[in-house]
PDB file of N, CA and C in Angstrom:
ATOM      1  N   MET A   1     102.797 106.262 102.291  1.00  0.00           N
ATOM      2  CA  MET A   1     103.423 105.585 101.214  1.00  0.00           C
ATOM      3  C   MET A   1     104.601 104.820 102.026  1.00  0.00           C
ATOM      4  N   PRO A   2     104.391 103.493 102.365  1.00  0.00           N
ATOM      5  CA  PRO A   2     105.232 102.781 103.203  1.00  0.00           C
ATOM      6  C   PRO A   2     106.552 102.536 102.634  1.00  0.00           C
ATOM      7  N   ASN A   3     106.747 102.781 101.151  1.00  0.00           N
ATOM      8  CA  ASN A   3     108.143 102.414 100.626  1.00  0.00           C
ATOM      9  C   ASN A   3     108.647 103.766 100.107  1.00  0.00           C
ATOM     10  N   ASP A   4     108.181 104.885 100.504  1.00  0.00           N
ATOM     11  CA  ASP A   4     108.868 106.198 100.337  1.00  0.00           C
ATOM     12  C   ASP A   4     109.994 106.388 101.305  1.00  0.00           C
ATOM     13  N   ARG A   5     111.179 106.501 100.695  1.00  0.00           N
ATOM     14  CA  ARG A   5     112.353 106.783 101.419  1.00  0.00           C
ATOM     15  C   ARG A   5     112.348 108.135 102.372  1.00  0.00           C
ATOM     16  N   PHE A   6     111.632 109.103 101.793  1.00  0.00           N
ATOM     17  CA  PHE A   6     111.450 110.209 102.524  1.00  0.00           C
ATOM     18  C   PHE A   6     111.032 110.112 103.925  1.00  0.00           C
ATOM     19  N   TYR A   7     110.053 109.042 104.147  1.00  0.00           N
ATOM     20  CA  TYR A   7     109.331 108.784 105.499  1.00  0.00           C
ATOM     21  C   TYR A   7     110.306 108.090 106.408  1.00  0.00           C
ATOM     22  N   LYS A   8     111.473 107.638 105.883  1.00  0.00           N
ATOM     23  CA  LYS A   8     112.457 106.893 106.827  1.00  0.00           C
ATOM     24  C   LYS A   8     113.556 107.645 107.195  1.00  0.00           C
ATOM     25  N   THR A   9     113.600 108.789 106.767  1.00  0.00           N
ATOM     26  CA  THR A   9     114.813 109.770 107.129  1.00  0.00           C
ATOM     27  C   THR A   9     114.809 110.196 108.584  1.00  0.00           C
ATOM     28  N   PRO A  10     115.926 110.452 109.284  1.00  0.00           N
ATOM     29  CA  PRO A  10     115.866 110.900 110.670  1.00  0.00           C
ATOM     30  C   PRO A  10     115.195 112.339 110.659  1.00  0.00           C
ATOM     31  N   GLU A  11     115.478 113.102 109.595  1.00  0.00           N
ATOM     32  CA  GLU A  11     114.898 114.459 109.583  1.00  0.00           C
ATOM     33  C   GLU A  11     113.423 114.341 109.610  1.00  0.00           C
ATOM     34  N   TRP A  12     112.869 113.471 108.882  1.00  0.00           N
ATOM     35  CA  TRP A  12     111.295 113.218 108.735  1.00  0.00           C
ATOM     36  C   TRP A  12     110.811 112.961 110.128  1.00  0.00           C
ATOM     37  N   GLU A  13     111.624 112.010 110.755  1.00  0.00           N
ATOM     38  CA  GLU A  13     111.017 111.473 112.113  1.00  0.00           C
ATOM     39  C   GLU A  13     111.133 112.408 113.097  1.00  0.00           C
ATOM     40  N   ALA A  14     112.270 113.216 113.063  1.00  0.00           N
ATOM     41  CA  ALA A  14     112.254 114.212 114.104  1.00  0.00           C
ATOM     42  C   ALA A  14     111.069 115.474 113.825  1.00  0.00           C
ATOM     43  N   MET A  15     110.801 115.747 112.605  1.00  0.00           N
ATOM     44  CA  MET A  15     109.793 116.614 112.204  1.00  0.00           C
ATOM     45  C   MET A  15     108.405 116.024 112.703  1.00  0.00           C
ATOM     46  N   ARG A  16     108.290 114.719 112.371  1.00  0.00           N
ATOM     47  CA  ARG A  16     106.906 114.154 112.748  1.00  0.00           C
ATOM     48  C   ARG A  16     106.713 114.121 114.216  1.00  0.00           C
ATOM     49  N   ILE A  17     107.709 113.916 115.185  1.00  0.00           N
ATOM     50  CA  ILE A  17     107.491 113.877 116.467  1.00  0.00           C
ATOM     51  C   ILE A  17     107.282 115.338 117.084  1.00  0.00           C
ATOM     52  N   ALA A  18     107.964 116.322 116.405  1.00  0.00           N
ATOM     53  CA  ALA A  18     107.650 117.728 116.715  1.00  0.00           C
ATOM     54  C   ALA A  18     106.409 118.157 116.382  1.00  0.00           C
ATOM     55  N   VAL A  19     105.834 117.836 115.146  1.00  0.00           N
ATOM     56  CA  VAL A  19     104.315 118.133 114.826  1.00  0.00           C
ATOM     57  C   VAL A  19     103.379 117.435 115.831  1.00  0.00           C
ATOM     58  N   ILE A  20     103.641 116.153 116.241  1.00  0.00           N
ATOM     59  CA  ILE A  20     102.791 115.582 117.065  1.00  0.00           C
ATOM     60  C   ILE A  20     102.718 116.280 118.450  1.00  0.00           C
ATOM     61  N   ARG A  21     103.843 116.460 118.848  1.00  0.00           N
ATOM     62  CA  ARG A  21     103.915 117.220 120.088  1.00  0.00           C
ATOM     63  C   ARG A  21     103.259 118.608 120.067  1.00  0.00           C
ATOM     64  N   ARG A  22     103.490 119.358 119.097  1.00  0.00           N
ATOM     65  CA  ARG A  22     102.780 120.596 118.824  1.00  0.00           C
ATOM     66  C   ARG A  22     101.306 120.565 119.048  1.00  0.00           C
ATOM     67  N   HIS A  23     100.642 119.495 118.467  1.00  0.00           N
ATOM     68  CA  HIS A  23      99.212 119.379 118.467  1.00  0.00           C
ATOM     69  C   HIS A  23      98.975 118.555 119.836  1.00  0.00           C
ATOM     70  N   ASN A  24      99.756 118.237 120.677  1.00  0.00           N
ATOM     71  CA  ASN A  24      99.547 117.479 121.872  1.00  0.00           C
ATOM     72  C   ASN A  24      98.697 116.223 121.725  1.00  0.00           C
ATOM     73  N   TRP A  25      99.037 115.624 120.562  1.00  0.00           N
ATOM     74  CA  TRP A  25      98.625 114.172 120.340  1.00  0.00           C
ATOM     75  C   TRP A  25      97.000 114.428 119.900  1.00  0.00           C
ATOM     76  N   VAL A  26      96.499 115.486 119.624  1.00  0.00           N
ATOM     77  CA  VAL A  26      95.032 115.626 119.307  1.00  0.00           C
ATOM     78  C   VAL A  26      94.816 116.029 117.731  1.00  0.00           C
ATOM     79  N   CYS A  27      94.000 115.122 117.181  1.00  0.00           N
ATOM     80  CA  CYS A  27      93.715 115.252 115.748  1.00  0.00           C
ATOM     81  C   CYS A  27      93.143 116.746 115.417  1.00  0.00           C
ATOM     82  N   SER A  28      93.714 117.296 114.518  1.00  0.00           N
ATOM     83  CA  SER A  28      93.349 118.690 114.088  1.00  0.00           C
ATOM     84  C   SER A  28      92.056 118.766 113.392  1.00  0.00           C
ATOM     85  N   GLN A  29      91.574 117.648 112.906  1.00  0.00           N
ATOM     86  CA  GLN A  29      90.278 117.658 112.364  1.00  0.00           C
ATOM     87  C   GLN A  29      89.005 117.146 113.217  1.00  0.00           C
ATOM     88  N   CYS A  30      89.158 116.055 114.030  1.00  0.00           N
ATOM     89  CA  CYS A  30      88.040 115.723 114.769  1.00  0.00           C
ATOM     90  C   CYS A  30      88.350 116.051 116.307  1.00  0.00           C
ATOM     91  N   GLY A  31      89.502 116.280 116.579  1.00  0.00           N
ATOM     92  CA  GLY A  31      89.896 116.456 118.151  1.00  0.00           C
ATOM     93  C   GLY A  31      89.863 115.323 119.193  1.00  0.00           C
ATOM     94  N   VAL A  32      90.112 114.092 118.512  1.00  0.00           N
ATOM     95  CA  VAL A  32      90.322 112.816 119.105  1.00  0.00           C
ATOM     96  C   VAL A  32      91.704 112.799 119.582  1.00  0.00           C
ATOM     97  N   LEU A  33      92.092 112.254 120.928  1.00  0.00           N
ATOM     98  CA  LEU A  33      93.223 112.128 121.368  1.00  0.00           C
ATOM     99  C   LEU A  33      93.890 110.834 120.825  1.00  0.00           C
ATOM    100  N   ALA A  34      94.826 110.954 119.986  1.00  0.00           N
ATOM    101  CA  ALA A  34      95.426 109.863 118.887  1.00  0.00           C
ATOM    102  C   ALA A  34      96.783 109.394 119.650  1.00  0.00           C
ATOM    103  N   LEU A  35      96.664 108.625 120.588  1.00  0.00           N
ATOM    104  CA  LEU A  35      97.853 108.048 121.297  1.00  0.00           C
ATOM    105  C   LEU A  35      98.404 106.702 120.635  1.00  0.00           C
ATOM    106  N   GLY A  36      97.547 106.070 119.789  1.00  0.00           N
ATOM    107  CA  GLY A  36      98.277 104.983 119.129  1.00  0.00           C
ATOM    108  C   GLY A  36      98.562 103.821 119.966  1.00  0.00           C
ATOM    109  N   ALA A  37      99.733 103.328 119.977  1.00  0.00           N
ATOM    110  CA  ALA A  37     100.117 102.110 120.785  1.00  0.00           C
ATOM    111  C   ALA A  37     100.266 102.617 122.248  1.00  0.00           C
ATOM    112  N   ARG A  38     100.187 103.727 122.568  1.00  0.00           N
ATOM    113  CA  ARG A  38     100.345 104.142 123.945  1.00  0.00           C
ATOM    114  C   ARG A  38      99.110 103.947 124.740  1.00  0.00           C
ATOM    115  N   LYS A  39      98.019 103.606 124.103  1.00  0.00           N
ATOM    116  CA  LYS A  39      96.726 103.415 124.660  1.00  0.00           C
ATOM    117  C   LYS A  39      95.988 102.485 123.782  1.00  0.00           C
ATOM    118  N   ALA A  40      95.568 101.495 124.472  1.00  0.00           N
ATOM    119  CA  ALA A  40      94.841 100.249 123.727  1.00  0.00           C
ATOM    120  C   ALA A  40      93.581 101.041 123.044  1.00  0.00           C
ATOM    121  N   GLY A  41      93.106 100.713 121.960  1.00  0.00           N
ATOM    122  CA  GLY A  41      91.980 101.143 121.181  1.00  0.00           C
ATOM    123  C   GLY A  41      92.070 102.549 120.776  1.00  0.00           C
ATOM    124  N   ALA A  42      93.077 103.475 121.080  1.00  0.00           N
ATOM    125  CA  ALA A  42      93.234 104.868 120.442  1.00  0.00           C
ATOM    126  C   ALA A  42      93.606 104.696 119.038  1.00  0.00           C
ATOM    127  N   PRO A  43      93.263 105.691 118.177  1.00  0.00           N
ATOM    128  CA  PRO A  43      93.753 105.640 116.945  1.00  0.00           C
ATOM    129  C   PRO A  43      95.287 106.225 117.065  1.00  0.00           C
ATOM    130  N   SER A  44      95.915 105.946 115.848  1.00  0.00           N
ATOM    131  CA  SER A  44      97.284 106.264 115.716  1.00  0.00           C
ATOM    132  C   SER A  44      97.534 107.738 115.082  1.00  0.00           C
ATOM    133  N   PRO A  45      98.565 108.418 115.546  1.00  0.00           N
ATOM    134  CA  PRO A  45      98.849 109.811 115.038  1.00  0.00           C
ATOM    135  C   PRO A  45      99.449 109.722 113.717  1.00  0.00           C
ATOM    136  N   HIS A  46      98.899 110.654 112.720  1.00  0.00           N
ATOM    137  CA  HIS A  46      99.489 110.591 111.621  1.00  0.00           C
ATOM    138  C   HIS A  46      99.879 112.261 111.387  1.00  0.00           C
ATOM    139  N   VAL A  47     101.080 112.276 110.803  1.00  0.00           N
ATOM    140  CA  VAL A  47     101.410 113.780 110.381  1.00  0.00           C
ATOM    141  C   VAL A  47     101.106 113.808 108.756  1.00  0.00           C
ATOM    142  N   ASP A  48     100.347 115.018 108.551  1.00  0.00           N
ATOM    143  CA  ASP A  48      99.843 115.153 107.126  1.00  0.00           C
ATOM    144  C   ASP A  48     100.347 116.357 106.512  1.00  0.00           C
ATOM    145  N   HIS A  49     100.673 116.340 105.316  1.00  0.00           N
ATOM    146  CA  HIS A  49     101.117 117.489 104.442  1.00  0.00           C
ATOM    147  C   HIS A  49      99.740 118.038 104.040  1.00  0.00           C
ATOM    148  N   ILE A  50      99.530 119.328 104.458  1.00  0.00           N
ATOM    149  CA  ILE A  50      98.449 120.288 104.068  1.00  0.00           C
ATOM    150  C   ILE A  50      98.487 120.284 102.423  1.00  0.00           C
ATOM    151  N   LEU A  51      99.327 120.727 101.961  1.00  0.00           N
ATOM    152  CA  LEU A  51      99.563 120.633 100.511  1.00  0.00           C
ATOM    153  C   LEU A  51     100.605 119.617 100.292  1.00  0.00           C
ATOM    154  N   SER A  52     100.147 118.655  99.477  1.00  0.00           N
ATOM    155  CA  SER A  52     101.161 117.260  99.251  1.00  0.00           C
ATOM    156  C   SER A  52     102.372 117.632  98.851  1.00  0.00           C
ATOM    157  N   ARG A  53     103.284 116.630  99.026  1.00  0.00           N
ATOM    158  CA  ARG A  53     104.706 116.770  98.486  1.00  0.00           C
ATOM    159  C   ARG A  53     104.696 116.685  96.991  1.00  0.00           C
ATOM    160  N   LYS A  54     103.833 116.128  96.375  1.00  0.00           N
ATOM    161  CA  LYS A  54     103.711 116.167  95.046  1.00  0.00           C
ATOM    162  C   LYS A  54     103.346 117.557  94.294  1.00  0.00           C
ATOM    163  N   GLU A  55     102.546 118.186  95.101  1.00  0.00           N
ATOM    164  CA  GLU A  55     101.902 119.444  94.763  1.00  0.00           C
ATOM    165  C   GLU A  55     102.947 120.673  94.989  1.00  0.00           C
ATOM    166  N   ARG A  56     103.648 120.468  96.226  1.00  0.00           N
ATOM    167  CA  ARG A  56     104.510 121.452  96.808  1.00  0.00           C
ATOM    168  C   ARG A  56     105.828 120.826  97.374  1.00  0.00           C
ATOM    169  N   PRO A  57     106.744 120.280  96.559  1.00  0.00           N
ATOM    170  CA  PRO A  57     107.763 119.512  97.233  1.00  0.00           C
ATOM    171  C   PRO A  57     108.783 120.463  98.062  1.00  0.00           C
ATOM    172  N   ASP A  58     108.673 121.768  97.744  1.00  0.00           N
ATOM    173  CA  ASP A  58     109.408 122.702  98.664  1.00  0.00           C
ATOM    174  C   ASP A  58     108.882 122.920  99.942  1.00  0.00           C
ATOM    175  N   LEU A  59     107.556 122.378 100.213  1.00  0.00           N
ATOM    176  CA  LEU A  59     106.980 122.558 101.760  1.00  0.00           C
ATOM    177  C   LEU A  59     107.066 121.234 102.414  1.00  0.00           C
ATOM    178  N   ALA A  60     107.781 120.278 101.849  1.00  0.00           N
ATOM    179  CA  ALA A  60     107.786 118.912 102.546  1.00  0.00           C
ATOM    180  C   ALA A  60     108.360 118.893 104.024  1.00  0.00           C
ATOM    181  N   MET A  61     109.276 119.833 104.517  1.00  0.00           N
ATOM    182  CA  MET A  61     109.450 119.932 105.816  1.00  0.00           C
ATOM    183  C   MET A  61     109.328 121.220 106.446  1.00  0.00           C
ATOM    184  N   ASP A  62     108.237 121.835 105.938  1.00  0.00           N
ATOM    185  CA  ASP A  62     107.860 123.182 106.423  1.00  0.00           C
ATOM    186  C   ASP A  62     106.828 122.913 107.545  1.00  0.00           C
ATOM    187  N   PRO A  63     107.026 123.183 108.878  1.00  0.00           N
ATOM    188  CA  PRO A  63     106.135 122.930 109.875  1.00  0.00           C
ATOM    189  C   PRO A  63     104.739 123.562 109.537  1.00  0.00           C
ATOM    190  N   ALA A  64     104.679 124.624 109.002  1.00  0.00           N
ATOM    191  CA  ALA A  64     103.489 125.315 108.658  1.00  0.00           C
ATOM    192  C   ALA A  64     102.519 124.584 107.687  1.00  0.00           C
ATOM    193  N   ASN A  65     103.221 123.648 106.985  1.00  0.00           N
ATOM    194  CA  ASN A  65     102.349 122.859 105.979  1.00  0.00           C
ATOM    195  C   ASN A  65     102.202 121.453 106.526  1.00  0.00           C
ATOM    196  N   LEU A  66     102.373 121.164 107.837  1.00  0.00           N
ATOM    197  CA  LEU A  66     102.333 119.992 108.377  1.00  0.00           C
ATOM    198  C   LEU A  66     101.176 120.054 109.591  1.00  0.00           C
ATOM    199  N   THR A  67     100.357 119.051 109.640  1.00  0.00           N
ATOM    200  CA  THR A  67      99.263 119.092 110.706  1.00  0.00           C
ATOM    201  C   THR A  67      99.250 117.576 111.124  1.00  0.00           C
ATOM    202  N   MET A  68      98.588 117.386 112.416  1.00  0.00           N
ATOM    203  CA  MET A  68      98.385 116.012 112.879  1.00  0.00           C
ATOM    204  C   MET A  68      96.912 115.563 112.722  1.00  0.00           C
ATOM    205  N   LEU A  69      96.835 114.347 112.172  1.00  0.00           N
ATOM    206  CA  LEU A  69      95.463 113.774 112.103  1.00  0.00           C
ATOM    207  C   LEU A  69      95.560 112.317 112.683  1.00  0.00           C
ATOM    208  N   CYS A  70      94.253 112.009 113.179  1.00  0.00           N
ATOM    209  CA  CYS A  70      94.208 110.586 113.656  1.00  0.00           C
ATOM    210  C   CYS A  70      94.165 109.735 112.445  1.00  0.00           C
ATOM    211  N   GLY A  71      94.368 108.442 112.516  1.00  0.00           N
ATOM    212  CA  GLY A  71      94.409 107.381 111.515  1.00  0.00           C
ATOM    213  C   GLY A  71      93.247 107.407 110.603  1.00  0.00           C
ATOM    214  N   PRO A  72      91.959 107.455 111.234  1.00  0.00           N
ATOM    215  CA  PRO A  72      90.797 107.405 110.352  1.00  0.00           C
ATOM    216  C   PRO A  72      90.609 108.763 109.642  1.00  0.00           C
ATOM    217  N   CYS A  73      90.889 109.940 110.254  1.00  0.00           N
ATOM    218  CA  CYS A  73      90.817 111.198 109.534  1.00  0.00           C
ATOM    219  C   CYS A  73      91.774 111.211 108.316  1.00  0.00           C
ATOM    220  N   HIS A  74      93.032 110.830 108.667  1.00  0.00           N
ATOM    221  CA  HIS A  74      93.932 110.901 107.527  1.00  0.00           C
ATOM    222  C   HIS A  74      93.540 109.798 106.384  1.00  0.00           C
ATOM    223  N   SER A  75      93.096 108.829 106.762  1.00  0.00           N
ATOM    224  CA  SER A  75      92.536 107.797 105.717  1.00  0.00           C
ATOM    225  C   SER A  75      91.338 108.319 104.776  1.00  0.00           C
ATOM    226  N   ARG A  76      90.508 109.146 105.528  1.00  0.00           N
ATOM    227  CA  ARG A  76      89.409 109.820 104.796  1.00  0.00           C
ATOM    228  C   ARG A  76      89.988 110.790 103.843  1.00  0.00           C
ATOM    229  N   LYS A  77      90.765 111.558 104.454  1.00  0.00           N
ATOM    230  CA  LYS A  77      91.361 112.557 103.456  1.00  0.00           C
ATOM    231  C   LYS A  77      92.234 111.938 102.309  1.00  0.00           C
ATOM    232  N   THR A  78      92.969 111.046 102.515  1.00  0.00           N
ATOM    233  CA  THR A  78      93.626 110.371 101.362  1.00  0.00           C
ATOM    234  C   THR A  78      92.696 109.560 100.440  1.00  0.00           C
ATOM    235  N   ARG A  79      91.623 109.007 100.763  1.00  0.00           N
ATOM    236  CA  ARG A  79      90.571 108.559  99.821  1.00  0.00           C
ATOM    237  C   ARG A  79      89.930 109.529  99.162  1.00  0.00           C
ATOM    238  N   ARG A  80      89.632 110.702  99.678  1.00  0.00           N
ATOM    239  CA  ARG A  80      89.060 111.889  98.994  1.00  0.00           C
ATOM    240  C   ARG A  80      89.838 112.326  97.992  1.00  0.00           C
ATOM    241  N   LEU A  81      91.305 112.357  98.229  1.00  0.00           N
ATOM    242  CA  LEU A  81      92.173 112.944  97.257  1.00  0.00           C
ATOM    243  C   LEU A  81      92.407 111.979  96.312  1.00  0.00           C
ATOM    244  N   ASP A  82      92.581 110.617  96.513  1.00  0.00           N
ATOM    245  CA  ASP A  82      92.836 109.566  95.537  1.00  0.00           C
ATOM    246  C   ASP A  82      91.618 109.259  94.873  1.00  0.00           C
ATOM    247  N   CYS A  83      90.360 109.393  95.244  1.00  0.00           N
ATOM    248  CA  CYS A  83      89.276 109.121  94.437  1.00  0.00           C
ATOM    249  C   CYS A  83      88.280 110.225  94.207  1.00  0.00           C
ATOM    250  N   PRO A  84      88.887 111.413  93.555  1.00  0.00           N
ATOM    251  CA  PRO A  84      88.018 112.599  93.497  1.00  0.00           C
ATOM    252  C   PRO A  84      86.853 112.380  92.443  1.00  0.00           C
ATOM    253  N   ARG A  85      86.972 111.430  91.655  1.00  0.00           N
ATOM    254  CA  ARG A  85      85.884 111.284  90.654  1.00  0.00           C
ATOM    255  C   ARG A  85      84.527 110.631  91.338  1.00  0.00           C
ATOM    256  N   THR A  86      84.804 109.671  92.257  1.00  0.00           N
ATOM    257  CA  THR A  86      83.651 109.143  92.845  1.00  0.00           C
ATOM    258  C   THR A  86      83.208 109.834  94.167  1.00  0.00           C
ATOM    259  N   GLY A  87      84.285 110.560  94.800  1.00  0.00           N
ATOM    260  CA  GLY A  87      84.075 111.303  96.020  1.00  0.00           C
ATOM    261  C   GLY A  87      83.652 110.357  97.127  1.00  0.00           C
ATOM    262  N   HIS A  88      83.573 109.107  96.921  1.00  0.00           N
ATOM    263  CA  HIS A  88      83.136 108.105  97.951  1.00  0.00           C
ATOM    264  C   HIS A  88      84.295 108.267  99.266  1.00  0.00           C
ATOM    265  N   VAL A  89      83.527 108.496 100.344  1.00  0.00           N
ATOM    266  CA  VAL A  89      84.480 108.559 101.496  1.00  0.00           C
ATOM    267  C   VAL A  89      83.692 107.570 102.527  1.00  0.00           C
ATOM    268  N   THR A  90      84.420 106.656 103.147  1.00  0.00           N
ATOM    269  CA  THR A  90      83.738 105.686 104.004  1.00  0.00           C
ATOM    270  C   THR A  90      84.237 106.025 105.530  1.00  0.00           C
ATOM    271  N   GLY A  91      83.244 105.706 106.430  1.00  0.00           N
ATOM    272  CA  GLY A  91      83.665 106.019 107.795  1.00  0.00           C
ATOM    273  C   GLY A  91      84.416 104.656 108.376  1.00  0.00           C
ATOM    274  N   ALA A  92      84.701 104.727 109.677  1.00  0.00           N
ATOM    275  CA  ALA A  92      85.273 103.656 110.127  1.00  0.00           C
ATOM    276  C   ALA A  92      84.424 102.366 110.189  1.00  0.00           C
ATOM    277  N   ASP A  93      83.139 102.538 110.167  1.00  0.00           N
ATOM    278  CA  ASP A  93      82.061 101.425 110.149  1.00  0.00           C
ATOM    279  C   ASP A  93      82.044 101.065 108.693  1.00  0.00           C
ATOM    280  N   GLY A  94      82.596 101.473 107.603  1.00  0.00           N
ATOM    281  CA  GLY A  94      82.516 101.001 106.247  1.00  0.00           C
ATOM    282  C   GLY A  94      81.326 101.649 105.419  1.00  0.00           C
ATOM    283  N   TRP A  95      80.587 102.421 106.053  1.00  0.00           N
ATOM    284  CA  TRP A  95      79.346 103.114 105.384  1.00  0.00           C
ATOM    285  C   TRP A  95      79.870 104.310 104.854  1.00  0.00           C
ATOM    286  N   PRO A  96      79.227 104.761 103.588  1.00  0.00           N
ATOM    287  CA  PRO A  96      79.560 106.265 103.156  1.00  0.00           C
ATOM    288  C   PRO A  96      79.381 107.335 104.045  1.00  0.00           C
ATOM    289  N   VAL A  97      80.202 108.299 104.019  1.00  0.00           N
ATOM    290  CA  VAL A  97      80.092 109.602 104.884  1.00  0.00           C
ATOM    291  C   VAL A  97      79.731 110.563 103.958  1.00  0.00           C
ATOM    292  N   GLU A  98      78.599 111.330 104.256  1.00  0.00           N
ATOM    293  CA  GLU A  98      77.997 112.332 103.666  1.00  0.00           C
ATOM    294  C   GLU A  98      77.842 112.014 102.162  1.00  0.00           C
TER     295      GLU A  98
END
């Protein structure tokens, strides 16, 4: 959510870096090394709320509710949650997954 002020706070940025370091830049779902801009062609690291802020705002800054996903895994999770009726999830190549 690019316009969400929560993600622009110094507290979130510090937590984000701590979670990425805790996971050693490795996606918790697929295991890829997500170095983003640090290495050409590598996916970017995303810190994901396991239980959404909408669902559990009290856990927004709880490290136990945060995990690191690579960009593609985070996109798949977001699409799956945003489009539960269709359940369509596409891979990086644009084709449906499972």
